[in-house]
């Protein structure tokens, strides 16, 4: 498992950035670079299951909220895949990366918000994620700074 870190400074308060990250409407916007029509089915509470689904609603990932400290920190633990609407958390393919963590940290920096995303990633996905995440971060920044 590899580690990747993405960071951006946003001219908006942490509360606004947090809302952009986790409100359904804006979540769907900033996750488009990963998969058109992406959505998350969850209440974002600690211990809750999360289904990260693509536009067809049949494929994606099954995860859980490992930690949620509002306006500061969200940690997501990936547990498996959803394929054709069926959750898989036990196959050999899943065991290579089950338990991977994706952390979102929001920090106040001189009246702005620094967003840091740290994630565990399978080697074969590293290059793809390194290309996609900067676009997602740009969208988060743009949405957060709009009407600020």
C-alpha atoms as a PDB file:
ATOM      1  CA  UNK A   1       0.000   0.000   0.000  1.00  0.00           C
ATOM      2  CA  UNK A   2       1.271   3.450  -0.955  1.00  0.00           C
ATOM      3  CA  UNK A   3       0.568   6.795   0.736  1.00  0.00           C
ATOM      4  CA  UNK A   4      -0.537   9.891  -1.165  1.00  0.00           C
ATOM      5  CA  UNK A   5      -1.046  13.413   0.182  1.00  0.00           C
ATOM      6  CA  UNK A   6      -2.868  16.295  -1.479  1.00  0.00           C
ATOM      7  CA  UNK A   7      -3.013  19.782  -0.019  1.00  0.00           C
ATOM      8  CA  UNK A   8      -4.580  23.121  -0.920  1.00  0.00           C
ATOM      9  CA  UNK A   9      -5.208  26.442   0.819  1.00  0.00           C
ATOM     10  CA  UNK A  10      -8.737  27.777   0.456  1.00  0.00           C
ATOM     11  CA  UNK A  11      -9.878  31.344   1.089  1.00  0.00           C
ATOM     12  CA  UNK A  12     -12.915  30.288   3.124  1.00  0.00           C
ATOM     13  CA  UNK A  13     -13.630  29.247   6.718  1.00  0.00           C
ATOM     14  CA  UNK A  14     -13.327  25.580   7.725  1.00  0.00           C
ATOM     15  CA  UNK A  15     -17.104  25.336   8.230  1.00  0.00           C
ATOM     16  CA  UNK A  16     -17.771  26.237   4.606  1.00  0.00           C
ATOM     17  CA  UNK A  17     -15.112  23.859   3.276  1.00  0.00           C
ATOM     18  CA  UNK A  18     -16.532  21.093   5.481  1.00  0.00           C
ATOM     19  CA  UNK A  19     -20.014  21.674   4.084  1.00  0.00           C
ATOM     20  CA  UNK A  20     -18.659  21.578   0.516  1.00  0.00           C
ATOM     21  CA  UNK A  21     -16.936  18.268   1.222  1.00  0.00           C
ATOM     22  CA  UNK A  22     -19.831  16.428   2.852  1.00  0.00           C
ATOM     23  CA  UNK A  23     -23.136  17.976   1.634  1.00  0.00           C
ATOM     24  CA  UNK A  24     -24.692  15.719  -1.007  1.00  0.00           C
ATOM     25  CA  UNK A  25     -25.077  18.340  -3.757  1.00  0.00           C
ATOM     26  CA  UNK A  26     -21.495  19.642  -3.580  1.00  0.00           C
ATOM     27  CA  UNK A  27     -20.004  16.196  -2.861  1.00  0.00           C
ATOM     28  CA  UNK A  28     -21.413  15.080  -6.213  1.00  0.00           C
ATOM     29  CA  UNK A  29     -19.757  18.059  -7.908  1.00  0.00           C
ATOM     30  CA  UNK A  30     -16.218  17.703  -6.549  1.00  0.00           C
ATOM     31  CA  UNK A  31     -16.150  13.931  -7.043  1.00  0.00           C
ATOM     32  CA  UNK A  32     -17.003  14.111 -10.778  1.00  0.00           C
ATOM     33  CA  UNK A  33     -13.317  13.732 -11.772  1.00  0.00           C
ATOM     34  CA  UNK A  34     -13.362  10.278 -10.141  1.00  0.00           C
ATOM     35  CA  UNK A  35     -16.597   9.124 -11.761  1.00  0.00           C
ATOM     36  CA  UNK A  36     -19.412  11.089 -13.389  1.00  0.00           C
ATOM     37  CA  UNK A  37     -22.505  10.823 -11.211  1.00  0.00           C
ATOM     38  CA  UNK A  38     -20.559   9.862  -8.061  1.00  0.00           C
ATOM     39  CA  UNK A  39     -22.470   9.946  -4.819  1.00  0.00           C
ATOM     40  CA  UNK A  40     -22.141   8.779  -1.229  1.00  0.00           C
ATOM     41  CA  UNK A  41     -24.940   7.058   0.662  1.00  0.00           C
ATOM     42  CA  UNK A  42     -24.348   7.682   4.379  1.00  0.00           C
ATOM     43  CA  UNK A  43     -25.141   9.977   7.301  1.00  0.00           C
ATOM     44  CA  UNK A  44     -21.369  10.639   7.803  1.00  0.00           C
ATOM     45  CA  UNK A  45     -21.590   9.729  11.524  1.00  0.00           C
ATOM     46  CA  UNK A  46     -18.687   7.895  13.162  1.00  0.00           C
ATOM     47  CA  UNK A  47     -19.132   4.151  12.687  1.00  0.00           C
ATOM     48  CA  UNK A  48     -21.626   4.545   9.830  1.00  0.00           C
ATOM     49  CA  UNK A  49     -21.402   2.601   6.616  1.00  0.00           C
ATOM     50  CA  UNK A  50     -20.674   4.549   3.425  1.00  0.00           C
ATOM     51  CA  UNK A  51     -21.495   3.398  -0.074  1.00  0.00           C
ATOM     52  CA  UNK A  52     -19.454   5.379  -2.600  1.00  0.00           C
ATOM     53  CA  UNK A  53     -21.275   4.737  -5.861  1.00  0.00           C
ATOM     54  CA  UNK A  54     -20.740   5.745  -9.463  1.00  0.00           C
ATOM     55  CA  UNK A  55     -23.395   7.100 -11.785  1.00  0.00           C
ATOM     56  CA  UNK A  56     -25.016   3.707 -12.356  1.00  0.00           C
ATOM     57  CA  UNK A  57     -25.553   3.232  -8.601  1.00  0.00           C
ATOM     58  CA  UNK A  58     -24.446  -0.387  -8.950  1.00  0.00           C
ATOM     59  CA  UNK A  59     -20.665  -0.146  -8.622  1.00  0.00           C
ATOM     60  CA  UNK A  60     -18.295   1.522  -6.186  1.00  0.00           C
ATOM     61  CA  UNK A  61     -16.817   1.047  -2.740  1.00  0.00           C
ATOM     62  CA  UNK A  62     -18.140   0.082   0.664  1.00  0.00           C
ATOM     63  CA  UNK A  63     -16.488   1.910   3.535  1.00  0.00           C
ATOM     64  CA  UNK A  64     -17.089   3.199   7.048  1.00  0.00           C
ATOM     65  CA  UNK A  65     -16.637   6.507   8.801  1.00  0.00           C
ATOM     66  CA  UNK A  66     -13.727   5.797  11.155  1.00  0.00           C
ATOM     67  CA  UNK A  67     -13.790   9.294  12.707  1.00  0.00           C
ATOM     68  CA  UNK A  68     -15.774  12.503  12.282  1.00  0.00           C
ATOM     69  CA  UNK A  69     -14.763  15.674  14.132  1.00  0.00           C
ATOM     70  CA  UNK A  70     -16.958  18.329  12.473  1.00  0.00           C
ATOM     71  CA  UNK A  71     -15.137  21.104  10.648  1.00  0.00           C
ATOM     72  CA  UNK A  72     -11.754  19.508  11.456  1.00  0.00           C
ATOM     73  CA  UNK A  73     -11.272  15.863  10.515  1.00  0.00           C
ATOM     74  CA  UNK A  74     -12.967  12.996   8.663  1.00  0.00           C
ATOM     75  CA  UNK A  75     -11.403   9.561   8.405  1.00  0.00           C
ATOM     76  CA  UNK A  76     -12.836   6.916   6.104  1.00  0.00           C
ATOM     77  CA  UNK A  77     -11.828   3.243   6.200  1.00  0.00           C
ATOM     78  CA  UNK A  78     -12.394   1.372   2.948  1.00  0.00           C
ATOM     79  CA  UNK A  79     -13.744  -2.138   3.424  1.00  0.00           C
ATOM     80  CA  UNK A  80     -14.494  -3.473  -0.038  1.00  0.00           C
ATOM     81  CA  UNK A  81     -16.188  -3.030  -3.385  1.00  0.00           C
ATOM     82  CA  UNK A  82     -19.725  -2.898  -4.674  1.00  0.00           C
ATOM     83  CA  UNK A  83     -20.125  -4.706  -7.993  1.00  0.00           C
ATOM     84  CA  UNK A  84     -23.499  -4.951  -9.713  1.00  0.00           C
ATOM     85  CA  UNK A  85     -25.101  -3.888  -6.433  1.00  0.00           C
ATOM     86  CA  UNK A  86     -23.390  -6.637  -4.393  1.00  0.00           C
ATOM     87  CA  UNK A  87     -20.978  -5.738  -1.566  1.00  0.00           C
ATOM     88  CA  UNK A  88     -17.717  -7.689  -1.468  1.00  0.00           C
ATOM     89  CA  UNK A  89     -15.552  -7.364   1.642  1.00  0.00           C
ATOM     90  CA  UNK A  90     -13.956 -10.820   1.667  1.00  0.00           C
ATOM     91  CA  UNK A  91     -12.596 -11.816  -1.762  1.00  0.00           C
ATOM     92  CA  UNK A  92      -8.873 -12.126  -2.463  1.00  0.00           C
ATOM     93  CA  UNK A  93      -9.029  -9.027  -4.697  1.00  0.00           C
ATOM     94  CA  UNK A  94     -10.335  -6.970  -1.754  1.00  0.00           C
ATOM     95  CA  UNK A  95      -7.819  -8.244   0.797  1.00  0.00           C
ATOM     96  CA  UNK A  96      -4.984  -6.357  -0.954  1.00  0.00           C
ATOM     97  CA  UNK A  97      -6.390  -2.980   0.070  1.00  0.00           C
ATOM     98  CA  UNK A  98      -9.162  -3.559   2.638  1.00  0.00           C
ATOM     99  CA  UNK A  99      -8.576  -1.304   5.610  1.00  0.00           C
ATOM    100  CA  UNK A 100      -7.102   1.503   3.494  1.00  0.00           C
ATOM    101  CA  UNK A 101      -7.634   4.890   5.152  1.00  0.00           C
ATOM    102  CA  UNK A 102      -8.570   8.215   3.572  1.00  0.00           C
ATOM    103  CA  UNK A 103      -8.205  11.232   5.911  1.00  0.00           C
ATOM    104  CA  UNK A 104      -9.435  14.795   5.411  1.00  0.00           C
ATOM    105  CA  UNK A 105      -7.951  17.434   7.732  1.00  0.00           C
ATOM    106  CA  UNK A 106      -9.014  21.088   7.818  1.00  0.00           C
ATOM    107  CA  UNK A 107      -6.680  23.552   9.549  1.00  0.00           C
ATOM    108  CA  UNK A 108      -6.951  27.317  10.071  1.00  0.00           C
ATOM    109  CA  UNK A 109      -3.981  29.095   8.461  1.00  0.00           C
ATOM    110  CA  UNK A 110      -3.942  32.906   8.590  1.00  0.00           C
ATOM    111  CA  UNK A 111      -7.695  33.237   8.141  1.00  0.00           C
ATOM    112  CA  UNK A 112      -7.834  30.608   5.416  1.00  0.00           C
ATOM    113  CA  UNK A 113      -8.390  26.849   5.475  1.00  0.00           C
ATOM    114  CA  UNK A 114      -5.722  24.339   4.609  1.00  0.00           C
ATOM    115  CA  UNK A 115      -7.288  21.106   3.351  1.00  0.00           C
ATOM    116  CA  UNK A 116      -5.046  18.046   3.497  1.00  0.00           C
ATOM    117  CA  UNK A 117      -6.105  14.677   2.123  1.00  0.00           C
ATOM    118  CA  UNK A 118      -3.948  11.672   3.090  1.00  0.00           C
ATOM    119  CA  UNK A 119      -4.778   8.302   1.650  1.00  0.00           C
ATOM    120  CA  UNK A 120      -3.592   4.743   1.414  1.00  0.00           C
ATOM    121  CA  UNK A 121      -3.647   3.561  -2.179  1.00  0.00           C
ATOM    122  CA  UNK A 122      -2.865   0.353  -4.020  1.00  0.00           C
ATOM    123  CA  UNK A 123       0.276   0.690  -6.161  1.00  0.00           C
ATOM    124  CA  UNK A 124      -1.689   0.079  -9.370  1.00  0.00           C
ATOM    125  CA  UNK A 125      -4.021   3.038  -8.583  1.00  0.00           C
ATOM    126  CA  UNK A 126      -1.348   5.513  -7.482  1.00  0.00           C
ATOM    127  CA  UNK A 127      -0.705   7.187 -10.858  1.00  0.00           C
ATOM    128  CA  UNK A 128      -4.418   7.465 -11.626  1.00  0.00           C
ATOM    129  CA  UNK A 129      -5.207   9.064  -8.249  1.00  0.00           C
ATOM    130  CA  UNK A 130      -2.219  11.420  -8.585  1.00  0.00           C
ATOM    131  CA  UNK A 131      -3.796  12.728 -11.799  1.00  0.00           C
ATOM    132  CA  UNK A 132      -7.413  12.936 -10.587  1.00  0.00           C
ATOM    133  CA  UNK A 133      -7.056  14.402  -7.071  1.00  0.00           C
ATOM    134  CA  UNK A 134      -5.657  17.800  -8.145  1.00  0.00           C
ATOM    135  CA  UNK A 135      -8.785  18.364 -10.274  1.00  0.00           C
ATOM    136  CA  UNK A 136     -11.024  17.418  -7.350  1.00  0.00           C
ATOM    137  CA  UNK A 137      -9.088  19.776  -5.044  1.00  0.00           C
ATOM    138  CA  UNK A 138      -9.518  22.605  -7.567  1.00  0.00           C
ATOM    139  CA  UNK A 139     -13.292  22.043  -7.578  1.00  0.00           C
ATOM    140  CA  UNK A 140     -13.425  21.977  -3.756  1.00  0.00           C
ATOM    141  CA  UNK A 141     -11.466  25.252  -3.677  1.00  0.00           C
ATOM    142  CA  UNK A 142     -13.678  26.883  -6.313  1.00  0.00           C
ATOM    143  CA  UNK A 143     -16.938  25.818  -4.633  1.00  0.00           C
ATOM    144  CA  UNK A 144     -15.680  26.890  -1.189  1.00  0.00           C
ATOM    145  CA  UNK A 145     -14.505  30.292  -2.330  1.00  0.00           C
ATOM    146  CA  UNK A 146     -17.676  31.062  -4.297  1.00  0.00           C
ATOM    147  CA  UNK A 147     -19.765  33.790  -2.607  1.00  0.00           C
ATOM    148  CA  UNK A 148     -17.284  33.963   0.252  1.00  0.00           C
END
